[in-house]
């Protein structure tokens, strides 16, 4: 009887982890579309609402980025600032709890290198870039690795020498 419980628990855990991986790939894909599309940004927020961001800091980070992107699509200046600040706080808290998570550093770098200077949100660019470049080779998640490589190649904040490192 006890072994059946453990067997059932193992199967349940495996299925949850399998669906989590699939959904993370979906979240990443929608994230890229959400950068330019309000429709995809709203979809990203709705999908992320299904997850408990207090349990998973990566989901919290993506949620934070989704709110910051919503500020880009908002018309009201006060609403823009409110959404951006809410998202920034979520992303910063998730990084504070997971300092060496390359994906969270990638998310923050992608935001900080593209926000207007008056928001004064660029203090971690150098640190994030360093962590991303020094850990890129050790990322086992091929989807994430490709996404970061693509970003580096397109980004103006990485110089030619840094781009050549990843090729």
Foldseek 3Di string as FASTA:
>chain_A
DVVVVVVVVVVVVVVVVVVVVVVVLVLVVLLVVLLPDVVSLVVSLVVLVVDDCVVPLVSLLSNLLSLQSVLVVDDDVVSSVVSNVSSVVSLVVSCVVVVLDLLSLLSLLVVLLPDDCVVVRNPCNVVSLVSNLVCLVVDPPPSSSVVSLVCLVPDPSHDPVSNVSSD
